[in-house]
Amino acid sequence: MTLQIMAERPDGTMTVEDCEAVSRALSPVLEAADPIDRAYHLEVSSPGIDRPLVRRGDFETWAGFLMKLEANRLIGERKRFRGRIVAVSNAGIRIERDQPAYGEPNAVDVPFDAIGEARLVLTDDLVAASLKADKAARKRRGEAGAAGGEEPDLH
């Protein structure tokens, strides 16, 4: 059995050292509270670049990027969607689909309570944005390697 915890800094970054620190801090708390009645392995990781989108803020942060979504009920005769997040409201999100079937609308509104699973799709745009955000966050924290140097060619 594995207890998986995904964590990240408020700026969206997470290093291996950060994961180790979270694991060291949580282990004694979990040991004392004993919330699981059998042996388990604690796994701390970052959500990753093709991260799941769970909270409203996730959809706002990653608006404009390509995502896949599986609804927990039919939305206009479908449960699976792929496209860019073009709007986020209190009620849900609007997706501009990248490959709608003939006769289907280009955009679809999905209420938050209908979202079963949503995840970013790994694209060059997403990689470039993630590298840029990581570099900026490191620079704000004053970490080495954040200034100067070329970003890798993604093509």
C-alpha atoms as a PDB file:
ATOM      1  CA  MET A   1       0.000   0.000   0.000  1.00  0.00           C
ATOM      2  CA  THR A   2       1.271   3.482  -0.886  1.00  0.00           C
ATOM      3  CA  LEU A   3       0.178   6.815   0.562  1.00  0.00           C
ATOM      4  CA  GLN A   4       0.892   9.340  -2.155  1.00  0.00           C
ATOM      5  CA  ILE A   5       1.052  13.039  -1.338  1.00  0.00           C
ATOM      6  CA  MET A   6       1.485  15.645  -4.048  1.00  0.00           C
ATOM      7  CA  ALA A   7       2.953  18.936  -2.901  1.00  0.00           C
ATOM      8  CA  GLU A   8       4.374  22.106  -4.373  1.00  0.00           C
ATOM      9  CA  ARG A   9       5.507  25.522  -3.244  1.00  0.00           C
ATOM     10  CA  PRO A  10       3.073  28.430  -3.596  1.00  0.00           C
ATOM     11  CA  ASP A  11       5.019  29.509  -6.695  1.00  0.00           C
ATOM     12  CA  GLY A  12       4.364  26.114  -8.328  1.00  0.00           C
ATOM     13  CA  THR A  13       7.882  24.715  -8.043  1.00  0.00           C
ATOM     14  CA  MET A  14       9.048  21.635  -6.150  1.00  0.00           C
ATOM     15  CA  THR A  15      12.532  20.162  -5.954  1.00  0.00           C
ATOM     16  CA  VAL A  16      13.654  16.712  -4.860  1.00  0.00           C
ATOM     17  CA  GLU A  17      14.995  18.361  -1.713  1.00  0.00           C
ATOM     18  CA  ASP A  18      11.554  19.902  -1.079  1.00  0.00           C
ATOM     19  CA  CYS A  19       9.957  16.452  -1.397  1.00  0.00           C
ATOM     20  CA  GLU A  20      12.487  15.053   1.080  1.00  0.00           C
ATOM     21  CA  ALA A  21      11.741  17.859   3.545  1.00  0.00           C
ATOM     22  CA  VAL A  22       7.979  17.230   3.306  1.00  0.00           C
ATOM     23  CA  SER A  23       8.532  13.500   3.815  1.00  0.00           C
ATOM     24  CA  ARG A  24      10.751  14.085   6.883  1.00  0.00           C
ATOM     25  CA  ALA A  25       8.199  16.496   8.366  1.00  0.00           C
ATOM     26  CA  LEU A  26       5.174  14.264   7.719  1.00  0.00           C
ATOM     27  CA  SER A  27       6.631  10.903   8.745  1.00  0.00           C
ATOM     28  CA  PRO A  28       6.600  11.532  12.524  1.00  0.00           C
ATOM     29  CA  VAL A  29       3.113  13.068  12.356  1.00  0.00           C
ATOM     30  CA  LEU A  30       1.776  10.067  10.430  1.00  0.00           C
ATOM     31  CA  GLU A  31       3.573   7.688  12.796  1.00  0.00           C
ATOM     32  CA  ALA A  32       1.964   9.342  15.844  1.00  0.00           C
ATOM     33  CA  ALA A  33      -1.520   9.666  14.328  1.00  0.00           C
ATOM     34  CA  ASP A  34      -1.409   6.171  12.781  1.00  0.00           C
ATOM     35  CA  PRO A  35      -4.216   6.947  10.258  1.00  0.00           C
ATOM     36  CA  ILE A  36      -3.705   3.751   8.237  1.00  0.00           C
ATOM     37  CA  ASP A  37      -4.247   0.408   9.929  1.00  0.00           C
ATOM     38  CA  ARG A  38      -1.573  -1.507   7.981  1.00  0.00           C
ATOM     39  CA  ALA A  39       1.953  -1.043   6.645  1.00  0.00           C
ATOM     40  CA  TYR A  40       2.346   1.497   3.870  1.00  0.00           C
ATOM     41  CA  HIS A  41       4.971   3.363   1.905  1.00  0.00           C
ATOM     42  CA  LEU A  42       4.932   7.180   1.971  1.00  0.00           C
ATOM     43  CA  GLU A  43       5.542   8.770  -1.434  1.00  0.00           C
ATOM     44  CA  VAL A  44       5.899  12.546  -1.728  1.00  0.00           C
ATOM     45  CA  SER A  45       6.115  14.041  -5.211  1.00  0.00           C
ATOM     46  CA  SER A  46       5.303  17.116  -7.220  1.00  0.00           C
ATOM     47  CA  PRO A  47       2.231  17.091  -9.466  1.00  0.00           C
ATOM     48  CA  GLY A  48       4.554  17.188 -12.479  1.00  0.00           C
ATOM     49  CA  ILE A  49       4.328  19.115 -15.704  1.00  0.00           C
ATOM     50  CA  ASP A  50       1.281  17.224 -17.013  1.00  0.00           C
ATOM     51  CA  ARG A  51      -0.359  17.728 -13.661  1.00  0.00           C
ATOM     52  CA  PRO A  52      -3.900  16.932 -12.633  1.00  0.00           C
ATOM     53  CA  LEU A  53      -6.206  19.942 -12.429  1.00  0.00           C
ATOM     54  CA  VAL A  54      -8.279  19.749  -9.267  1.00  0.00           C
ATOM     55  CA  ARG A  55      -9.065  23.174  -7.829  1.00  0.00           C
ATOM     56  CA  ARG A  56     -10.605  26.179  -9.545  1.00  0.00           C
ATOM     57  CA  GLY A  57      -7.262  27.938  -9.166  1.00  0.00           C
ATOM     58  CA  ASP A  58      -5.563  25.152 -11.146  1.00  0.00           C
ATOM     59  CA  PHE A  59      -7.827  25.844 -14.110  1.00  0.00           C
ATOM     60  CA  GLU A  60      -7.230  29.595 -13.780  1.00  0.00           C
ATOM     61  CA  THR A  61      -3.464  29.162 -13.574  1.00  0.00           C
ATOM     62  CA  TRP A  62      -3.311  26.892 -16.612  1.00  0.00           C
ATOM     63  CA  ALA A  63      -5.921  28.655 -18.774  1.00  0.00           C
ATOM     64  CA  GLY A  64      -4.821  28.679 -22.409  1.00  0.00           C
ATOM     65  CA  PHE A  65      -3.081  25.323 -22.177  1.00  0.00           C
ATOM     66  CA  LEU A  66      -4.209  22.026 -23.671  1.00  0.00           C
ATOM     67  CA  MET A  67      -5.945  19.602 -21.317  1.00  0.00           C
ATOM     68  CA  LYS A  68      -7.865  16.327 -21.291  1.00  0.00           C
ATOM     69  CA  LEU A  69     -10.973  16.012 -19.189  1.00  0.00           C
ATOM     70  CA  GLU A  70     -13.206  13.099 -18.313  1.00  0.00           C
ATOM     71  CA  ALA A  71     -16.609  14.054 -16.968  1.00  0.00           C
ATOM     72  CA  ASN A  72     -18.459  12.003 -14.373  1.00  0.00           C
ATOM     73  CA  ARG A  73     -21.659  12.360 -16.419  1.00  0.00           C
ATOM     74  CA  LEU A  74     -22.658  13.155 -19.981  1.00  0.00           C
ATOM     75  CA  ILE A  75     -22.129  16.733 -21.134  1.00  0.00           C
ATOM     76  CA  GLY A  76     -23.771  17.173 -24.524  1.00  0.00           C
ATOM     77  CA  GLU A  77     -23.670  13.444 -25.293  1.00  0.00           C
ATOM     78  CA  ARG A  78     -19.964  13.108 -24.316  1.00  0.00           C
ATOM     79  CA  LYS A  79     -17.842  12.342 -21.296  1.00  0.00           C
ATOM     80  CA  ARG A  80     -14.355  12.938 -22.727  1.00  0.00           C
ATOM     81  CA  PHE A  81     -13.012  16.272 -23.931  1.00  0.00           C
ATOM     82  CA  ARG A  82      -9.691  17.621 -25.118  1.00  0.00           C
ATOM     83  CA  GLY A  83      -8.962  21.290 -25.697  1.00  0.00           C
ATOM     84  CA  ARG A  84      -7.728  24.562 -24.250  1.00  0.00           C
ATOM     85  CA  ILE A  85      -9.156  26.157 -21.120  1.00  0.00           C
ATOM     86  CA  VAL A  86     -10.549  29.468 -22.385  1.00  0.00           C
ATOM     87  CA  ALA A  87     -12.649  30.617 -19.412  1.00  0.00           C
ATOM     88  CA  VAL A  88     -13.123  29.832 -15.731  1.00  0.00           C
ATOM     89  CA  SER A  89     -16.196  30.947 -13.778  1.00  0.00           C
ATOM     90  CA  ASN A  90     -17.679  30.180 -10.371  1.00  0.00           C
ATOM     91  CA  ALA A  91     -19.752  27.440 -11.979  1.00  0.00           C
ATOM     92  CA  GLY A  92     -17.177  25.716 -14.169  1.00  0.00           C
ATOM     93  CA  ILE A  93     -14.875  25.958 -17.165  1.00  0.00           C
ATOM     94  CA  ARG A  94     -15.169  26.515 -20.892  1.00  0.00           C
ATOM     95  CA  ILE A  95     -13.033  24.362 -23.154  1.00  0.00           C
ATOM     96  CA  GLU A  96     -12.287  25.243 -26.753  1.00  0.00           C
ATOM     97  CA  ARG A  97     -11.936  21.811 -28.287  1.00  0.00           C
ATOM     98  CA  ASP A  98      -8.997  21.138 -30.584  1.00  0.00           C
ATOM     99  CA  GLN A  99     -10.609  18.308 -32.564  1.00  0.00           C
ATOM    100  CA  PRO A 100     -14.405  18.382 -32.311  1.00  0.00           C
ATOM    101  CA  ALA A 101     -16.256  15.738 -34.294  1.00  0.00           C
ATOM    102  CA  TYR A 102     -18.295  16.854 -37.279  1.00  0.00           C
ATOM    103  CA  GLY A 103     -21.405  18.717 -36.131  1.00  0.00           C
ATOM    104  CA  GLU A 104     -20.194  19.154 -32.547  1.00  0.00           C
ATOM    105  CA  PRO A 105     -19.618  22.618 -31.067  1.00  0.00           C
ATOM    106  CA  ASN A 106     -16.046  23.949 -30.864  1.00  0.00           C
ATOM    107  CA  ALA A 107     -16.536  25.049 -27.252  1.00  0.00           C
ATOM    108  CA  VAL A 108     -18.157  23.278 -24.330  1.00  0.00           C
ATOM    109  CA  ASP A 109     -18.997  24.416 -20.805  1.00  0.00           C
ATOM    110  CA  VAL A 110     -18.295  21.886 -18.067  1.00  0.00           C
ATOM    111  CA  PRO A 111     -19.583  22.504 -14.524  1.00  0.00           C
ATOM    112  CA  PHE A 112     -17.051  21.857 -11.746  1.00  0.00           C
ATOM    113  CA  ASP A 113     -19.282  19.170 -10.232  1.00  0.00           C
ATOM    114  CA  ALA A 114     -19.196  17.247 -13.541  1.00  0.00           C
ATOM    115  CA  ILE A 115     -15.387  17.049 -13.693  1.00  0.00           C
ATOM    116  CA  GLY A 116     -14.224  13.552 -12.877  1.00  0.00           C
ATOM    117  CA  GLU A 117     -10.586  13.905 -13.911  1.00  0.00           C
ATOM    118  CA  ALA A 118      -8.707  16.678 -15.683  1.00  0.00           C
ATOM    119  CA  ARG A 119      -5.048  16.754 -16.640  1.00  0.00           C
ATOM    120  CA  LEU A 120      -2.745  18.988 -18.661  1.00  0.00           C
ATOM    121  CA  VAL A 121      -1.400  17.549 -21.916  1.00  0.00           C
ATOM    122  CA  LEU A 122       2.366  17.665 -22.373  1.00  0.00           C
ATOM    123  CA  THR A 123       3.114  20.128 -25.206  1.00  0.00           C
ATOM    124  CA  ASP A 124       6.065  22.319 -26.186  1.00  0.00           C
ATOM    125  CA  ASP A 125       4.097  25.371 -24.987  1.00  0.00           C
ATOM    126  CA  LEU A 126       3.554  23.785 -21.572  1.00  0.00           C
ATOM    127  CA  VAL A 127       7.219  22.793 -21.243  1.00  0.00           C
ATOM    128  CA  ALA A 128       8.367  26.301 -22.201  1.00  0.00           C
ATOM    129  CA  ALA A 129       5.952  27.952 -19.746  1.00  0.00           C
ATOM    130  CA  SER A 130       6.982  25.572 -16.953  1.00  0.00           C
ATOM    131  CA  LEU A 131      10.690  26.210 -17.537  1.00  0.00           C
ATOM    132  CA  LYS A 132      10.118  29.965 -17.573  1.00  0.00           C
ATOM    133  CA  ALA A 133       8.059  29.843 -14.356  1.00  0.00           C
ATOM    134  CA  ASP A 134      10.664  27.645 -12.640  1.00  0.00           C
ATOM    135  CA  LYS A 135      13.486  29.983 -13.654  1.00  0.00           C
ATOM    136  CA  ALA A 136      11.557  33.028 -12.374  1.00  0.00           C
ATOM    137  CA  ALA A 137      10.721  31.291  -9.072  1.00  0.00           C
ATOM    138  CA  ARG A 138      14.351  30.291  -8.531  1.00  0.00           C
ATOM    139  CA  LYS A 139      15.471  33.836  -9.273  1.00  0.00           C
ATOM    140  CA  ARG A 140      12.953  35.214  -6.730  1.00  0.00           C
ATOM    141  CA  ARG A 141      14.314  32.783  -4.141  1.00  0.00           C
ATOM    142  CA  GLY A 142      17.908  33.684  -5.058  1.00  0.00           C
ATOM    143  CA  GLU A 143      18.868  30.137  -5.996  1.00  0.00           C
ATOM    144  CA  ALA A 144      21.984  29.434  -8.015  1.00  0.00           C
ATOM    145  CA  GLY A 145      21.530  28.651 -11.676  1.00  0.00           C
ATOM    146  CA  ALA A 146      18.543  30.949 -12.018  1.00  0.00           C
ATOM    147  CA  ALA A 147      20.269  33.826 -13.745  1.00  0.00           C
ATOM    148  CA  GLY A 148      21.895  33.820 -17.152  1.00  0.00           C
ATOM    149  CA  GLY A 149      22.329  30.871 -19.423  1.00  0.00           C
ATOM    150  CA  GLU A 150      20.169  29.782 -22.279  1.00  0.00           C
ATOM    151  CA  GLU A 151      16.987  27.817 -21.886  1.00  0.00           C
ATOM    152  CA  PRO A 152      17.136  24.491 -23.712  1.00  0.00           C
ATOM    153  CA  ASP A 153      15.882  24.255 -27.262  1.00  0.00           C
ATOM    154  CA  LEU A 154      12.579  22.383 -27.082  1.00  0.00           C
ATOM    155  CA  HIS A 155      12.391  21.386 -30.741  1.00  0.00           C
END
